[in-house]
């Protein structure tokens, strides 16, 4: 384009020079003046076309750049519970690609999903569980240079707009339940395989979402039983190895929010499980042991049935109170959870100097259990807790306060700290180890 401009400028200059010279040597005829005017007009038209081409190409380059929006984030976190501490890293890559005018594709790959520094394993060490006697099970870790890191595809979905008045999402996605997202938060994690339709009202102030999905990809494997007296068939024979069924499989879910006024919004959610998660049911005895004795069934019909209510209230532009209550009832017992969060200001990783403070209170009930012919089944409202928000701190059978802060010392750099205070076990009221963490994140 630069060469074209130079050529046009040179041509115009030459034309003017020749014609001026002709004018200087003799009086121009009307025909010569008309020819000069026509030549200048033609050159101006060519220049106009070239400028339009350049503007169009520049717009196309910008649009093409937006079509494949590839970005990512990296986080390093130090965490400590009691006498155990660990340094972990998370590295994620994301892609956002419009498909035509009414669809887009979104994907996220957690290349390292909270991996411990210096550890590369077939089965990575689990995160802290402060109410377990053994934080790590060394028998389930296999340090190996050729092993795979703990990575996974957390999101891979298509959004389709204006489908019967809704945004229809199909694939693996995340979804926020309630005001705090302590149970599930779309920004923190995906791992829900299915479909959902989201309807916005009053410009997004109100929302209703209906979906059907398999939640098992986002959940931890339940306890593995190798057999023996604690795991037997009704006949008394030793059971084949299997996993306890405590995770959520295929489920119908409905969530909604309603803005009451400029300061207050209420939330509601409901989830009902219809089928046990494949990987969390009586798994693959033949594949695991070579035997044909595989336990089948839906674990005596027990299903997760979760409902919740929540609220958000803005006292002013800087101070907000959020709260959620959730209850999970599968049979003649239930587990409930309460999470409250008072937040002052908010850190924005793209804005230097921004910060936020929060004081939370959480009370998560102890998981409930029951015995059957296979052993003891464990049911948890958190169902593995890989979905909860990065802004919250939740664990089964724990209650107490949490103080947190967020600070952006430079653009795209976020420092976060979190400290549990006076943590106790919910079932006994005895003191439990407090949790501390400090992390630094960046995005690109």
Protein backbone atom coordinates (compact mmCIF):
# COMPACT_ATOMS: atom_id res chain seq x y z
CA UNK A 1 0.00 0.00 0.00
CA UNK A 2 2.91 2.34 0.75
CA UNK A 3 4.37 1.72 -2.74
CA UNK A 4 0.95 2.43 -4.29
CA UNK A 5 0.76 5.77 -2.50
CA UNK A 6 4.28 6.68 -3.63
CA UNK A 7 3.43 5.76 -7.22
CA UNK A 8 0.26 7.86 -7.15
CA UNK A 9 2.11 10.81 -5.66
CA UNK A 10 4.86 10.53 -8.28
CA UNK A 11 2.30 10.30 -11.09
CA UNK A 12 0.40 13.34 -9.85
CA UNK A 13 3.60 15.29 -9.44
CA UNK A 14 4.75 14.37 -12.93
CA UNK A 15 1.40 15.25 -14.42
CA UNK A 16 1.35 18.63 -12.73
CA UNK A 17 4.96 19.30 -13.70
CA UNK A 18 4.48 18.47 -17.39
CA UNK A 19 1.29 20.45 -17.68
CA UNK A 20 2.70 23.44 -15.79
CA UNK A 21 5.69 23.35 -18.11
CA UNK A 22 3.36 23.32 -21.07
CA UNK A 23 1.41 26.22 -19.65
CA UNK A 24 4.61 28.17 -19.05
CA UNK A 25 5.81 27.73 -22.64
CA UNK A 26 2.52 28.46 -24.35
CA UNK A 27 -1.06 29.38 -23.70
CA UNK A 28 -2.98 26.08 -23.05
CA UNK A 29 -5.88 25.32 -25.26
CA UNK A 30 -9.31 24.45 -23.85
CA UNK A 31 -8.77 20.85 -24.98
CA UNK A 32 -5.51 20.62 -22.98
CA UNK A 33 -7.15 22.01 -19.85
CA UNK A 34 -10.02 19.54 -20.16
CA UNK A 35 -7.58 16.66 -20.60
CA UNK A 36 -5.63 17.78 -17.51
CA UNK A 37 -8.78 17.99 -15.43
CA UNK A 38 -9.88 14.52 -16.58
CA UNK A 39 -6.47 13.08 -15.76
CA UNK A 40 -6.48 14.59 -12.25
CA UNK A 41 -10.02 13.33 -11.64
CA UNK A 42 -9.04 9.83 -12.73
CA UNK A 43 -5.98 9.81 -10.46
CA UNK A 44 -8.07 11.00 -7.52
CA UNK A 45 -10.56 8.20 -8.15
CA UNK A 46 -7.75 5.63 -8.20
CA UNK A 47 -6.42 7.02 -4.92
CA UNK A 48 -9.91 6.85 -3.39
CA UNK A 49 -10.27 3.20 -4.42
CA UNK A 50 -6.86 2.35 -2.97
CA UNK A 51 -7.75 3.99 0.33
CA UNK A 52 -11.03 2.05 0.47
CA UNK A 53 -9.16 -1.20 -0.18
CA UNK A 54 -6.70 -0.41 2.59
CA UNK A 55 -9.50 0.41 5.05
CA UNK A 56 -11.37 -2.80 4.17
CA UNK A 57 -8.25 -4.95 4.55
CA UNK A 58 -7.45 -3.38 7.91
CA UNK A 59 -11.00 -4.09 9.15
CA UNK A 60 -10.74 -7.68 7.93
CA UNK A 61 -7.41 -8.12 9.73
CA UNK A 62 -8.95 -6.87 12.98
CA UNK A 63 -11.99 -9.10 12.53
CA UNK A 64 -9.77 -12.09 11.72
CA UNK A 65 -7.78 -11.43 14.87
CA UNK A 66 -10.98 -11.43 16.93
CA UNK A 67 -12.16 -14.70 15.39
CA UNK A 68 -9.47 -16.69 17.20
CA UNK A 69 -9.15 -15.10 20.62
CA UNK A 70 -6.54 -17.27 22.33
CA UNK A 71 -5.58 -16.36 25.88
CA UNK A 72 -4.57 -17.98 29.14
CA UNK A 73 -3.68 -17.62 32.80
CA UNK A 74 -1.05 -18.93 35.19
CA UNK A 75 -1.32 -19.22 38.97
CA UNK A 76 1.19 -20.31 41.62
CA UNK A 77 -0.21 -20.98 45.09
CA UNK A 78 1.32 -21.83 48.44
CA UNK A 79 -1.12 -23.52 50.84
CA UNK A 80 -0.75 -24.78 54.40
CA UNK A 81 -3.00 -26.88 56.63
CA UNK A 82 -1.75 -27.83 60.08
CA UNK A 83 1.80 -29.21 59.58
CA UNK A 84 1.38 -29.92 55.87
CA UNK A 85 2.20 -27.42 53.14
CA UNK A 86 2.36 -27.56 49.36
CA UNK A 87 3.26 -25.35 46.39
CA UNK A 88 1.00 -25.86 43.38
CA UNK A 89 0.67 -24.42 39.91
CA UNK A 90 -2.22 -23.98 37.49
CA UNK A 91 -1.76 -23.20 33.80
CA UNK A 92 -4.79 -22.81 31.53
CA UNK A 93 -5.26 -22.03 27.84
CA UNK A 94 -8.57 -20.71 26.50
CA UNK A 95 -10.03 -20.07 23.06
CA UNK A 96 -13.08 -18.07 21.98
CA UNK A 97 -14.11 -18.35 18.32
CA UNK A 98 -17.26 -16.89 16.71
CA UNK A 99 -19.02 -19.25 14.29
CA UNK A 100 -21.12 -17.16 11.93
CA UNK A 101 -23.31 -14.42 13.34
CA UNK A 102 -25.29 -16.45 15.86
CA UNK A 103 -22.85 -18.94 17.41
CA UNK A 104 -19.49 -19.15 19.13
CA UNK A 105 -17.16 -21.90 20.31
CA UNK A 106 -15.43 -21.71 23.71
CA UNK A 107 -12.75 -24.08 24.94
CA UNK A 108 -10.44 -24.24 27.95
CA UNK A 109 -7.59 -26.66 28.61
CA UNK A 110 -6.17 -26.84 32.13
CA UNK A 111 -2.66 -27.87 31.07
CA UNK A 112 -1.66 -28.12 34.73
CA UNK A 113 -4.57 -28.33 37.13
CA UNK A 114 -3.16 -27.38 40.54
CA UNK A 115 -0.14 -29.64 40.16
CA UNK A 116 2.43 -29.77 42.92
CA UNK A 117 5.82 -28.35 41.95
CA UNK A 118 8.30 -31.09 41.17
CA UNK A 119 5.64 -33.78 40.76
CA UNK A 120 4.64 -35.43 37.50
CA UNK A 121 2.43 -38.43 38.11
CA UNK A 122 -0.06 -40.79 36.57
CA UNK A 123 -2.37 -39.99 39.49
CA UNK A 124 -1.52 -36.59 40.92
CA UNK A 125 -1.69 -35.87 44.64
CA UNK A 126 -5.05 -34.60 45.83
CA UNK A 127 -5.59 -31.15 47.29
CA UNK A 128 -5.75 -30.63 51.03
CA UNK A 129 -8.56 -32.27 52.99
CA UNK A 130 -8.13 -30.93 56.51
CA UNK A 131 -10.58 -33.38 58.05
CA UNK A 132 -8.71 -36.44 56.76
CA UNK A 133 -6.00 -38.12 58.78
CA UNK A 134 -3.81 -38.67 55.70
CA UNK A 135 -3.66 -35.68 53.42
CA UNK A 136 -1.89 -37.66 50.71
CA UNK A 137 -1.99 -41.36 49.87
CA UNK A 138 1.51 -42.30 48.76
CA UNK A 139 0.26 -45.61 47.40
CA UNK A 140 -1.65 -43.77 44.68
CA UNK A 141 1.15 -41.56 43.37
CA UNK A 142 3.71 -42.71 40.83
CA UNK A 143 6.50 -40.17 40.25
CA UNK A 144 7.73 -40.78 36.71
CA UNK A 145 9.40 -38.52 34.14
CA UNK A 146 7.26 -40.08 31.42
CA UNK A 147 4.01 -39.73 33.35
CA UNK A 148 1.20 -37.34 32.46
CA UNK A 149 0.51 -34.21 34.45
CA UNK A 150 -2.88 -33.66 36.02
CA UNK A 151 -4.54 -31.84 33.11
CA UNK A 152 -8.03 -31.88 31.64
CA UNK A 153 -10.39 -30.21 29.18
CA UNK A 154 -12.65 -28.18 31.46
CA UNK A 155 -14.69 -26.41 28.75
CA UNK A 156 -15.60 -27.25 25.16
CA UNK A 157 -19.00 -25.93 24.15
CA UNK A 158 -21.02 -24.09 21.51
CA UNK A 159 -23.23 -21.11 22.38
CA UNK A 160 -26.17 -20.58 20.00
CA UNK A 161 -27.97 -17.25 20.30
CA UNK A 162 -31.62 -16.42 19.73
CA UNK A 163 -32.87 -20.01 19.94
CA UNK A 164 -36.53 -19.63 20.91
CA UNK A 165 -35.57 -16.51 22.83
CA UNK A 166 -32.69 -18.17 24.70
CA UNK A 167 -28.96 -18.79 24.52
CA UNK A 168 -28.56 -22.54 23.97
CA UNK A 169 -25.31 -24.09 25.21
CA UNK A 170 -24.22 -27.59 24.17
CA UNK A 171 -21.04 -29.41 25.20
CA UNK A 172 -18.84 -29.21 28.31
CA UNK A 173 -19.47 -25.98 30.19
CA UNK A 174 -19.54 -24.36 33.62
CA UNK A 175 -22.55 -23.01 35.47
CA UNK A 176 -23.00 -20.81 38.54
CA UNK A 177 -25.42 -21.92 41.25
CA UNK A 178 -26.50 -19.26 43.74
CA UNK A 179 -25.03 -15.89 44.64
CA UNK A 180 -21.57 -16.88 45.95
CA UNK A 181 -20.84 -19.77 43.61
CA UNK A 182 -19.50 -21.80 46.56
CA UNK A 183 -21.09 -24.95 45.14
CA UNK A 184 -20.46 -24.27 41.45
CA UNK A 185 -19.02 -21.27 39.62
CA UNK A 186 -18.78 -20.94 35.83
CA UNK A 187 -15.70 -18.69 35.92
CA UNK A 188 -13.67 -21.09 38.06
CA UNK A 189 -14.33 -24.38 36.30
CA UNK A 190 -16.35 -26.21 33.68
CA UNK A 191 -16.72 -29.99 33.69
CA UNK A 192 -20.50 -30.22 33.16
CA UNK A 193 -21.40 -32.26 30.04
CA UNK A 194 -24.82 -31.59 28.57
CA UNK A 195 -27.15 -28.87 27.35
CA UNK A 196 -28.73 -25.78 28.91
CA UNK A 197 -31.03 -22.99 27.74
CA UNK A 198 -30.66 -19.57 29.37
CA UNK A 199 -33.42 -16.95 29.16
CA UNK A 200 -32.70 -13.31 30.06
CA UNK A 201 -35.43 -10.85 31.01
CA UNK A 202 -35.39 -7.09 31.61
CA UNK A 203 -32.02 -6.68 29.95
CA UNK A 204 -30.37 -9.45 31.98
CA UNK A 205 -31.60 -8.30 35.38
CA UNK A 206 -33.61 -11.53 35.63
CA UNK A 207 -32.61 -14.96 34.34
CA UNK A 208 -33.96 -18.49 34.11
CA UNK A 209 -31.75 -21.42 33.04
CA UNK A 210 -32.89 -25.00 32.45
CA UNK A 211 -30.44 -27.80 31.69
CA UNK A 212 -29.76 -31.53 31.67
CA UNK A 213 -26.19 -32.71 32.08
CA UNK A 214 -23.71 -35.21 33.47
CA UNK A 215 -21.75 -33.67 36.36
CA UNK A 216 -19.30 -36.53 36.88
CA UNK A 217 -16.30 -35.10 34.91
CA UNK A 218 -15.91 -32.36 37.54
CA UNK A 219 -15.97 -34.69 40.55
CA UNK A 220 -13.32 -36.61 42.43
CA UNK A 221 -13.33 -40.35 42.27
CA UNK A 222 -15.01 -41.75 45.38
CA UNK A 223 -13.35 -44.18 47.77
CA UNK A 224 -12.03 -47.36 46.13
CA UNK A 225 -12.79 -50.70 47.79
CA UNK A 226 -10.50 -53.65 47.11
CA UNK A 227 -12.81 -56.26 48.60
CA UNK A 228 -12.83 -58.19 51.85
CA UNK A 229 -15.12 -58.35 54.85
CA UNK A 230 -16.10 -54.69 54.52
CA UNK A 231 -17.30 -55.27 50.96
CA UNK A 232 -19.36 -58.39 50.43
CA UNK A 233 -22.30 -59.58 48.40
CA UNK A 234 -25.58 -60.53 50.08
CA UNK A 235 -24.38 -64.15 50.08
CA UNK A 236 -21.37 -63.17 52.16
CA UNK A 237 -18.85 -63.70 49.36
CA UNK A 238 -16.13 -61.14 48.89
CA UNK A 239 -17.11 -58.38 46.49
CA UNK A 240 -15.13 -57.53 43.40
CA UNK A 241 -13.23 -54.23 43.56
CA UNK A 242 -15.47 -51.20 42.95
CA UNK A 243 -15.91 -47.52 43.68
CA UNK A 244 -18.47 -46.09 46.06
CA UNK A 245 -21.19 -44.09 44.35
CA UNK A 246 -21.31 -40.60 45.81
CA UNK A 247 -20.97 -38.31 42.80
CA UNK A 248 -23.67 -36.70 40.67
CA UNK A 249 -24.32 -38.24 37.28
CA UNK A 250 -27.07 -37.24 34.85
CA UNK A 251 -29.24 -34.56 36.41
CA UNK A 252 -31.89 -32.01 35.57
CA UNK A 253 -31.09 -28.55 36.95
CA UNK A 254 -32.89 -25.22 37.08
CA UNK A 255 -31.44 -21.92 38.28
CA UNK A 256 -32.89 -18.42 38.39
CA UNK A 257 -32.31 -14.93 39.67
CA UNK A 258 -34.66 -12.00 40.20
CA UNK A 259 -33.62 -8.41 40.83
CA UNK A 260 -35.91 -6.98 43.51
CA UNK A 261 -34.58 -3.41 43.36
CA UNK A 262 -31.37 -1.58 42.50
CA UNK A 263 -29.62 -3.03 45.56
CA UNK A 264 -31.07 -6.53 46.02
CA UNK A 265 -31.21 -9.75 43.97
CA UNK A 266 -32.49 -13.18 45.00
CA UNK A 267 -31.35 -16.55 43.60
CA UNK A 268 -32.85 -20.04 43.51
CA UNK A 269 -31.58 -23.39 42.25
CA UNK A 270 -32.66 -27.02 42.07
CA UNK A 271 -30.91 -30.18 40.87
CA UNK A 272 -32.29 -33.71 40.71
CA UNK A 273 -30.11 -36.65 39.75
CA UNK A 274 -31.62 -39.30 37.48
CA UNK A 275 -28.72 -41.65 36.81
CA UNK A 276 -25.57 -42.53 38.71
CA UNK A 277 -22.33 -41.22 37.27
CA UNK A 278 -20.69 -43.95 35.20
CA UNK A 279 -17.26 -43.56 36.71
CA UNK A 280 -18.67 -43.30 40.22
CA UNK A 281 -20.97 -46.31 40.09
CA UNK A 282 -19.97 -49.97 40.43
CA UNK A 283 -17.08 -49.47 38.09
CA UNK A 284 -15.40 -51.85 35.73
CA UNK A 285 -14.66 -54.86 37.91
CA UNK A 286 -13.64 -56.86 34.87
CA UNK A 287 -11.30 -54.15 33.60
CA UNK A 288 -9.75 -53.61 37.02
CA UNK A 289 -9.25 -57.20 38.10
CA UNK A 290 -9.80 -59.46 35.13
CA UNK A 291 -12.87 -60.98 36.75
CA UNK A 292 -16.38 -61.00 35.29
CA UNK A 293 -17.95 -60.14 38.66
CA UNK A 294 -19.17 -56.61 38.09
CA UNK A 295 -21.64 -55.06 40.49
CA UNK A 296 -24.45 -53.35 38.61
CA UNK A 297 -27.36 -51.23 39.70
CA UNK A 298 -28.22 -47.76 40.91
CA UNK A 299 -27.08 -48.17 44.50
CA UNK A 300 -30.52 -48.90 45.95
CA UNK A 301 -32.08 -45.92 44.16
CA UNK A 302 -30.36 -43.18 46.18
CA UNK A 303 -30.10 -39.97 44.17
CA UNK A 304 -28.80 -36.49 44.88
CA UNK A 305 -31.64 -33.99 45.25
CA UNK A 306 -30.24 -30.49 45.86
CA UNK A 307 -32.03 -27.19 46.26
CA UNK A 308 -30.78 -23.78 47.25
CA UNK A 309 -31.69 -20.16 47.83
CA UNK A 310 -29.42 -17.11 47.89
CA UNK A 311 -29.26 -13.35 47.90
CA UNK A 312 -27.06 -10.39 47.01
CA UNK A 313 -27.36 -6.94 48.56
CA UNK A 314 -25.30 -3.89 47.61
CA UNK A 315 -25.05 -1.48 50.53
CA UNK A 316 -23.21 0.94 48.23
CA UNK A 317 -20.86 0.74 45.23
CA UNK A 318 -18.05 -0.68 47.40
CA UNK A 319 -19.74 -2.96 49.97
CA UNK A 320 -21.73 -6.10 49.08
CA UNK A 321 -23.18 -8.98 51.11
CA UNK A 322 -23.82 -12.35 49.43
CA UNK A 323 -25.31 -15.49 50.93
CA UNK A 324 -26.35 -19.02 49.97
CA UNK A 325 -28.11 -21.94 51.63
CA UNK A 326 -28.14 -25.39 49.99
CA UNK A 327 -29.63 -28.70 51.05
CA UNK A 328 -29.02 -32.18 49.63
CA UNK A 329 -31.56 -34.90 50.45
CA UNK A 330 -31.21 -38.40 49.03
CA UNK A 331 -33.13 -40.51 51.52
CA UNK A 332 -34.08 -40.15 55.20
CA UNK A 333 -31.09 -37.91 55.88
CA UNK A 334 -29.70 -34.72 54.47
CA UNK A 335 -26.65 -32.50 54.37
CA UNK A 336 -26.90 -28.74 54.24
CA UNK A 337 -24.49 -25.86 53.77
CA UNK A 338 -24.43 -22.11 54.46
CA UNK A 339 -22.02 -19.62 52.93
CA UNK A 340 -21.96 -15.85 53.65
CA UNK A 341 -19.52 -13.36 52.13
CA UNK A 342 -19.10 -9.66 52.96
CA UNK A 343 -17.00 -8.05 50.23
CA UNK A 344 -15.39 -4.60 50.12
CA UNK A 345 -14.43 -3.33 46.67
CA UNK A 346 -13.15 -5.75 44.03
CA UNK A 347 -9.80 -6.40 42.36
CA UNK A 348 -9.70 -6.16 38.57
CA UNK A 349 -6.63 -7.92 37.17
CA UNK A 350 -6.58 -5.54 34.19
CA UNK A 351 -6.48 -2.40 36.37
CA UNK A 352 -3.35 -1.50 38.32
CA UNK A 353 -3.88 -0.69 42.01
CA UNK A 354 -7.34 -2.20 42.40
CA UNK A 355 -7.98 -4.38 45.43
CA UNK A 356 -10.66 -6.25 47.35
CA UNK A 357 -11.28 -7.55 50.87
CA UNK A 358 -13.72 -10.22 52.02
CA UNK A 359 -14.84 -11.75 55.29
CA UNK A 360 -16.72 -15.03 54.88
CA UNK A 361 -18.50 -17.49 57.13
CA UNK A 362 -19.17 -21.05 56.02
CA UNK A 363 -20.82 -24.02 57.60
CA UNK A 364 -20.69 -27.21 55.52
CA UNK A 365 -22.33 -30.24 57.10
CA UNK A 366 -20.64 -33.60 57.46
CA UNK A 367 -21.25 -36.03 54.59
CA UNK A 368 -23.90 -38.58 55.42
CA UNK A 369 -23.37 -42.29 55.08
CA UNK A 370 -25.31 -45.53 55.00
CA UNK A 371 -24.36 -49.17 54.87
CA UNK A 372 -25.56 -51.66 52.28
CA UNK A 373 -24.51 -55.10 51.13
CA UNK A 374 -21.50 -53.61 49.35
CA UNK A 375 -20.15 -51.54 52.22
CA UNK A 376 -20.64 -47.91 53.25
CA UNK A 377 -21.87 -45.29 50.81
CA UNK A 378 -20.80 -41.66 51.25
CA UNK A 379 -22.91 -38.75 49.96
CA UNK A 380 -21.53 -35.20 49.87
CA UNK A 381 -23.27 -32.00 48.85
CA UNK A 382 -19.96 -30.84 47.41
CA UNK A 383 -19.61 -33.94 45.18
CA UNK A 384 -15.86 -33.53 44.83
CA UNK A 385 -15.78 -29.73 45.04
CA UNK A 386 -13.91 -29.03 41.82
CA UNK A 387 -16.57 -26.56 40.76
CA UNK A 388 -16.54 -24.06 43.64
CA UNK A 389 -15.52 -20.44 43.14
CA UNK A 390 -11.93 -19.30 43.61
CA UNK A 391 -13.38 -16.64 45.93
CA UNK A 392 -14.75 -19.17 48.42
CA UNK A 393 -13.30 -21.80 50.77
CA UNK A 394 -15.42 -24.90 51.31
CA UNK A 395 -14.83 -28.40 52.65
CA UNK A 396 -17.10 -31.10 54.03
CA UNK A 397 -17.55 -31.11 57.81
CA UNK A 398 -16.03 -27.65 58.40
CA UNK A 399 -17.27 -24.35 59.80
CA UNK A 400 -15.73 -21.02 60.69
CA UNK A 401 -14.64 -17.65 59.31
CA UNK A 402 -12.35 -16.89 56.37
CA UNK A 403 -10.52 -13.62 55.68
CA UNK A 404 -9.28 -12.91 52.18
CA UNK A 405 -7.68 -10.13 50.15
CA UNK A 406 -6.96 -9.50 46.47
CA UNK A 407 -4.54 -6.89 45.08
CA UNK A 408 -3.34 -5.92 41.59
CA UNK A 409 0.22 -4.47 41.89
CA UNK A 410 0.50 -4.21 38.10
CA UNK A 411 -1.68 -4.80 35.08
CA UNK A 412 -2.50 -8.51 34.63
CA UNK A 413 -0.87 -9.45 37.96
CA UNK A 414 -3.09 -10.57 40.84
CA UNK A 415 -1.97 -11.42 44.39
CA UNK A 416 -4.47 -13.23 46.63
CA UNK A 417 -4.35 -14.34 50.25
CA UNK A 418 -6.73 -16.41 52.33
CA UNK A 419 -6.78 -17.32 56.03
CA UNK A 420 -9.30 -19.51 57.82
CA UNK A 421 -10.02 -18.47 61.41
CA UNK A 422 -11.23 -20.75 64.21
CA UNK A 423 -12.13 -23.69 61.96
CA UNK A 424 -14.11 -26.46 63.67
CA UNK A 425 -15.58 -29.79 62.65
CA UNK A 426 -19.30 -29.41 62.08
CA UNK A 427 -20.33 -32.78 63.51
CA UNK A 428 -18.34 -32.66 66.77
CA UNK A 429 -17.56 -28.96 67.28
CA UNK A 430 -13.92 -29.84 67.93
CA UNK A 431 -11.16 -27.58 66.65
CA UNK A 432 -9.92 -28.35 63.14
CA UNK A 433 -6.72 -27.18 61.41
CA UNK A 434 -6.96 -23.76 59.78
CA UNK A 435 -6.18 -23.22 56.12
CA UNK A 436 -3.77 -20.55 54.80
CA UNK A 437 -2.84 -19.72 51.23
CA UNK A 438 -1.03 -17.09 49.17
CA UNK A 439 -1.06 -17.02 45.39
CA UNK A 440 0.08 -14.93 42.44
CA UNK A 441 -1.66 -15.03 39.07
CA UNK A 442 -1.11 -13.52 35.66
CA UNK A 443 -2.98 -13.60 32.38
CA UNK A 444 -1.91 -13.28 28.78
